[in-house]
Amino acid sequence: MAAGATLAQLPGWAQSLIEEARVGHLGLLDGHGRPRVLPVTYAVTGGAVWSAIDHKPKRRPGEELARVRWLGARPESALTVDRYDDDWARLAWVQLIGVTAVVDVADNDGVLAALAGRYPQYRDRPPEGPLLRLIAERTVCWSASDDP
């Protein structure tokens, strides 16, 4: 297991895993301090990991979503990206531990372009809700082999 301080300090295989994975799992604390984990789409740009509150069906508008409220109150969070393979020699994961800010989608065209570059669904319908910006203060990664 390797630990570092920033995305740029991750080993090459870990950076590739983050770039190639299609989904991450955002860990955060709910309003009662209980841990929650949510699957998220994301893009890495400007030294941060970004996720969007998008058009997928939700019970409330973006600004009223529980995860937005929770992160506003307790921004400490972690994103885990993993690779599973039936060949367990290829197992690997990366965890980015830091603070997630809720950011207005306005004036973040570069972030929207990065998300649209990864997810075609965002090309036809760009996210209109707030963005989530995770800045890693610590990184941890693990692979089952030296050459994952």
C-alpha atoms as a PDB file:
ATOM      1  CA  MET A   1       0.000   0.000   0.000  1.00  0.00           C
ATOM      2  CA  ALA A   2       1.321   3.419  -0.903  1.00  0.00           C
ATOM      3  CA  ALA A   3       0.301   6.758   0.560  1.00  0.00           C
ATOM      4  CA  GLY A   4       0.961  10.275  -0.666  1.00  0.00           C
ATOM      5  CA  ALA A   5      -0.354  13.775  -0.478  1.00  0.00           C
ATOM      6  CA  THR A   6      -1.665  14.672  -3.935  1.00  0.00           C
ATOM      7  CA  LEU A   7      -3.001  13.194  -7.139  1.00  0.00           C
ATOM      8  CA  ALA A   8       0.247  14.055  -8.909  1.00  0.00           C
ATOM      9  CA  GLN A   9       2.210  11.974  -6.389  1.00  0.00           C
ATOM     10  CA  LEU A  10       0.299   8.774  -7.125  1.00  0.00           C
ATOM     11  CA  PRO A  11       2.172   6.013  -8.966  1.00  0.00           C
ATOM     12  CA  GLY A  12       1.472   5.895 -12.701  1.00  0.00           C
ATOM     13  CA  TRP A  13      -0.736   2.805 -12.466  1.00  0.00           C
ATOM     14  CA  ALA A  14      -2.920   4.529  -9.843  1.00  0.00           C
ATOM     15  CA  GLN A  15      -3.283   7.660 -11.967  1.00  0.00           C
ATOM     16  CA  SER A  16      -4.244   5.450 -14.930  1.00  0.00           C
ATOM     17  CA  LEU A  17      -6.818   3.620 -12.827  1.00  0.00           C
ATOM     18  CA  ILE A  18      -8.460   6.917 -11.864  1.00  0.00           C
ATOM     19  CA  GLU A  19      -8.451   8.101 -15.489  1.00  0.00           C
ATOM     20  CA  GLU A  20      -9.841   4.844 -16.899  1.00  0.00           C
ATOM     21  CA  ALA A  21     -12.454   3.884 -14.299  1.00  0.00           C
ATOM     22  CA  ARG A  22     -16.014   4.842 -15.164  1.00  0.00           C
ATOM     23  CA  VAL A  23     -17.364   5.160 -11.619  1.00  0.00           C
ATOM     24  CA  GLY A  24     -16.055   6.080  -8.198  1.00  0.00           C
ATOM     25  CA  HIS A  25     -17.560   5.718  -4.745  1.00  0.00           C
ATOM     26  CA  LEU A  26     -17.835   8.859  -2.654  1.00  0.00           C
ATOM     27  CA  GLY A  27     -17.752   8.333   1.089  1.00  0.00           C
ATOM     28  CA  LEU A  28     -19.212  11.065   3.283  1.00  0.00           C
ATOM     29  CA  LEU A  29     -20.997  11.564   6.594  1.00  0.00           C
ATOM     30  CA  ASP A  30     -24.738  12.107   6.749  1.00  0.00           C
ATOM     31  CA  GLY A  31     -26.540  14.563   8.997  1.00  0.00           C
ATOM     32  CA  HIS A  32     -26.272  12.155  11.937  1.00  0.00           C
ATOM     33  CA  GLY A  33     -22.567  11.450  11.458  1.00  0.00           C
ATOM     34  CA  ARG A  34     -23.196   8.026   9.914  1.00  0.00           C
ATOM     35  CA  PRO A  35     -20.999   6.973   6.986  1.00  0.00           C
ATOM     36  CA  ARG A  36     -22.576   6.866   3.536  1.00  0.00           C
ATOM     37  CA  VAL A  37     -21.142   5.743   0.202  1.00  0.00           C
ATOM     38  CA  LEU A  38     -22.571   6.888  -3.131  1.00  0.00           C
ATOM     39  CA  PRO A  39     -21.562   5.870  -6.659  1.00  0.00           C
ATOM     40  CA  VAL A  40     -20.537   8.910  -8.719  1.00  0.00           C
ATOM     41  CA  THR A  41     -19.369   9.808 -12.175  1.00  0.00           C
ATOM     42  CA  TYR A  42     -16.340  12.072 -12.096  1.00  0.00           C
ATOM     43  CA  ALA A  43     -13.536  13.787 -13.985  1.00  0.00           C
ATOM     44  CA  VAL A  44     -10.101  14.920 -12.871  1.00  0.00           C
ATOM     45  CA  THR A  45      -9.108  18.430 -13.878  1.00  0.00           C
ATOM     46  CA  GLY A  46      -7.207  21.275 -12.279  1.00  0.00           C
ATOM     47  CA  GLY A  47      -5.782  19.037  -9.566  1.00  0.00           C
ATOM     48  CA  ALA A  48      -9.235  18.133  -8.231  1.00  0.00           C
ATOM     49  CA  VAL A  49     -11.842  15.447  -8.752  1.00  0.00           C
ATOM     50  CA  TRP A  50     -15.183  16.814  -9.914  1.00  0.00           C
ATOM     51  CA  SER A  51     -18.623  15.238  -9.915  1.00  0.00           C
ATOM     52  CA  ALA A  52     -21.909  16.774 -10.992  1.00  0.00           C
ATOM     53  CA  ILE A  53     -25.444  16.769  -9.734  1.00  0.00           C
ATOM     54  CA  ASP A  54     -26.956  15.897 -13.083  1.00  0.00           C
ATOM     55  CA  HIS A  55     -30.264  15.154 -14.776  1.00  0.00           C
ATOM     56  CA  LYS A  56     -30.668  11.571 -13.580  1.00  0.00           C
ATOM     57  CA  PRO A  57     -33.962  11.221 -11.661  1.00  0.00           C
ATOM     58  CA  LYS A  58     -33.872  12.543  -8.104  1.00  0.00           C
ATOM     59  CA  ARG A  59     -36.505  13.250  -5.482  1.00  0.00           C
ATOM     60  CA  ARG A  60     -35.357  16.853  -4.914  1.00  0.00           C
ATOM     61  CA  PRO A  61     -33.623  19.628  -6.862  1.00  0.00           C
ATOM     62  CA  GLY A  62     -29.808  19.533  -6.794  1.00  0.00           C
ATOM     63  CA  GLU A  63     -29.306  22.152  -4.116  1.00  0.00           C
ATOM     64  CA  GLU A  64     -31.722  20.306  -1.801  1.00  0.00           C
ATOM     65  CA  LEU A  65     -30.218  16.837  -2.177  1.00  0.00           C
ATOM     66  CA  ALA A  66     -29.100  15.165   1.012  1.00  0.00           C
ATOM     67  CA  ARG A  67     -25.502  14.735  -0.204  1.00  0.00           C
ATOM     68  CA  VAL A  68     -25.271  18.475  -0.934  1.00  0.00           C
ATOM     69  CA  ARG A  69     -26.568  19.323   2.549  1.00  0.00           C
ATOM     70  CA  TRP A  70     -24.294  16.764   4.193  1.00  0.00           C
ATOM     71  CA  LEU A  71     -21.185  17.994   2.385  1.00  0.00           C
ATOM     72  CA  GLY A  72     -22.087  21.583   3.210  1.00  0.00           C
ATOM     73  CA  ALA A  73     -22.130  20.695   6.901  1.00  0.00           C
ATOM     74  CA  ARG A  74     -19.241  18.196   6.927  1.00  0.00           C
ATOM     75  CA  PRO A  75     -17.052  18.390   3.825  1.00  0.00           C
ATOM     76  CA  GLU A  76     -14.663  15.635   4.913  1.00  0.00           C
ATOM     77  CA  SER A  77     -14.926  12.901   2.305  1.00  0.00           C
ATOM     78  CA  ALA A  78     -13.132  10.203   0.354  1.00  0.00           C
ATOM     79  CA  LEU A  79     -13.400   8.889  -3.186  1.00  0.00           C
ATOM     80  CA  THR A  80     -12.514   5.259  -3.837  1.00  0.00           C
ATOM     81  CA  VAL A  81     -11.894   3.996  -7.358  1.00  0.00           C
ATOM     82  CA  ASP A  82     -11.226   0.306  -7.810  1.00  0.00           C
ATOM     83  CA  ARG A  83     -10.597  -2.373 -10.366  1.00  0.00           C
ATOM     84  CA  TYR A  84     -12.004  -5.830  -9.839  1.00  0.00           C
ATOM     85  CA  ASP A  85     -10.879  -8.751 -11.953  1.00  0.00           C
ATOM     86  CA  ASP A  86     -11.457 -12.478 -11.612  1.00  0.00           C
ATOM     87  CA  ASP A  87      -7.673 -12.684 -11.828  1.00  0.00           C
ATOM     88  CA  TRP A  88      -6.996 -11.409  -8.331  1.00  0.00           C
ATOM     89  CA  ALA A  89      -3.441 -10.502  -9.298  1.00  0.00           C
ATOM     90  CA  ARG A  90      -5.037  -7.534 -11.122  1.00  0.00           C
ATOM     91  CA  LEU A  91      -7.023  -6.168  -8.164  1.00  0.00           C
ATOM     92  CA  ALA A  92      -6.284  -2.526  -7.345  1.00  0.00           C
ATOM     93  CA  TRP A  93      -7.798   0.516  -5.688  1.00  0.00           C
ATOM     94  CA  VAL A  94      -7.062   4.168  -5.100  1.00  0.00           C
ATOM     95  CA  GLN A  95      -8.542   6.317  -2.362  1.00  0.00           C
ATOM     96  CA  LEU A  96      -8.485  10.111  -2.346  1.00  0.00           C
ATOM     97  CA  ILE A  97      -9.133  11.540   1.107  1.00  0.00           C
ATOM     98  CA  GLY A  98      -9.886  15.219   1.524  1.00  0.00           C
ATOM     99  CA  VAL A  99     -12.549  17.873   1.476  1.00  0.00           C
ATOM    100  CA  THR A 100     -15.432  18.177  -0.979  1.00  0.00           C
ATOM    101  CA  ALA A 101     -16.876  21.603  -1.723  1.00  0.00           C
ATOM    102  CA  VAL A 102     -20.249  22.254  -3.325  1.00  0.00           C
ATOM    103  CA  VAL A 103     -19.568  24.628  -6.224  1.00  0.00           C
ATOM    104  CA  ASP A 104     -21.937  26.515  -8.533  1.00  0.00           C
ATOM    105  CA  VAL A 105     -21.946  25.130 -12.053  1.00  0.00           C
ATOM    106  CA  ALA A 106     -21.612  28.679 -13.497  1.00  0.00           C
ATOM    107  CA  ASP A 107     -18.120  29.639 -14.636  1.00  0.00           C
ATOM    108  CA  ASN A 108     -16.954  26.027 -14.679  1.00  0.00           C
ATOM    109  CA  ASP A 109     -17.077  25.320 -18.401  1.00  0.00           C
ATOM    110  CA  GLY A 110     -13.736  23.485 -18.247  1.00  0.00           C
ATOM    111  CA  VAL A 111     -15.112  21.089 -15.656  1.00  0.00           C
ATOM    112  CA  LEU A 112     -18.261  20.502 -17.703  1.00  0.00           C
ATOM    113  CA  ALA A 113     -16.100  19.825 -20.773  1.00  0.00           C
ATOM    114  CA  ALA A 114     -14.000  17.319 -18.806  1.00  0.00           C
ATOM    115  CA  LEU A 115     -17.140  15.526 -17.609  1.00  0.00           C
ATOM    116  CA  ALA A 116     -18.609  15.521 -21.134  1.00  0.00           C
ATOM    117  CA  GLY A 117     -15.329  14.094 -22.424  1.00  0.00           C
ATOM    118  CA  ARG A 118     -15.764  11.088 -20.141  1.00  0.00           C
ATOM    119  CA  TYR A 119     -19.531  10.645 -20.292  1.00  0.00           C
ATOM    120  CA  PRO A 120     -21.389  11.085 -23.618  1.00  0.00           C
ATOM    121  CA  GLN A 121     -24.663  11.607 -21.723  1.00  0.00           C
ATOM    122  CA  TYR A 122     -23.340  15.001 -20.607  1.00  0.00           C
ATOM    123  CA  ARG A 123     -22.673  16.136 -24.190  1.00  0.00           C
ATOM    124  CA  ASP A 124     -26.360  16.277 -25.048  1.00  0.00           C
ATOM    125  CA  ARG A 125     -27.470  17.369 -21.604  1.00  0.00           C
ATOM    126  CA  PRO A 126     -24.821  19.186 -19.548  1.00  0.00           C
ATOM    127  CA  PRO A 127     -25.309  19.113 -15.778  1.00  0.00           C
ATOM    128  CA  GLU A 128     -27.213  22.113 -14.433  1.00  0.00           C
ATOM    129  CA  GLY A 129     -27.000  21.312 -10.737  1.00  0.00           C
ATOM    130  CA  PRO A 130     -24.123  22.103  -8.436  1.00  0.00           C
ATOM    131  CA  LEU A 131     -20.720  20.499  -8.841  1.00  0.00           C
ATOM    132  CA  LEU A 132     -18.815  18.615  -6.178  1.00  0.00           C
ATOM    133  CA  ARG A 133     -15.070  19.368  -6.047  1.00  0.00           C
ATOM    134  CA  LEU A 134     -12.895  17.009  -4.029  1.00  0.00           C
ATOM    135  CA  ILE A 135      -9.379  18.177  -3.277  1.00  0.00           C
ATOM    136  CA  ALA A 136      -7.287  15.284  -2.015  1.00  0.00           C
ATOM    137  CA  GLU A 137      -5.257  16.022   1.090  1.00  0.00           C
ATOM    138  CA  ARG A 138      -4.063  12.438   1.260  1.00  0.00           C
ATOM    139  CA  THR A 139      -4.001   9.532  -1.171  1.00  0.00           C
ATOM    140  CA  VAL A 140      -3.782   5.818  -0.522  1.00  0.00           C
ATOM    141  CA  CYS A 141      -3.466   3.123  -3.156  1.00  0.00           C
ATOM    142  CA  TRP A 142      -3.026  -0.630  -3.281  1.00  0.00           C
ATOM    143  CA  SER A 143      -2.537  -3.260  -5.945  1.00  0.00           C
ATOM    144  CA  ALA A 144      -2.257  -7.018  -5.680  1.00  0.00           C
ATOM    145  CA  SER A 145       0.870  -7.033  -7.824  1.00  0.00           C
ATOM    146  CA  ASP A 146       3.822  -4.822  -8.643  1.00  0.00           C
ATOM    147  CA  ASP A 147       2.557  -4.482 -12.224  1.00  0.00           C
ATOM    148  CA  PRO A 148      -1.205  -3.930 -11.973  1.00  0.00           C
END
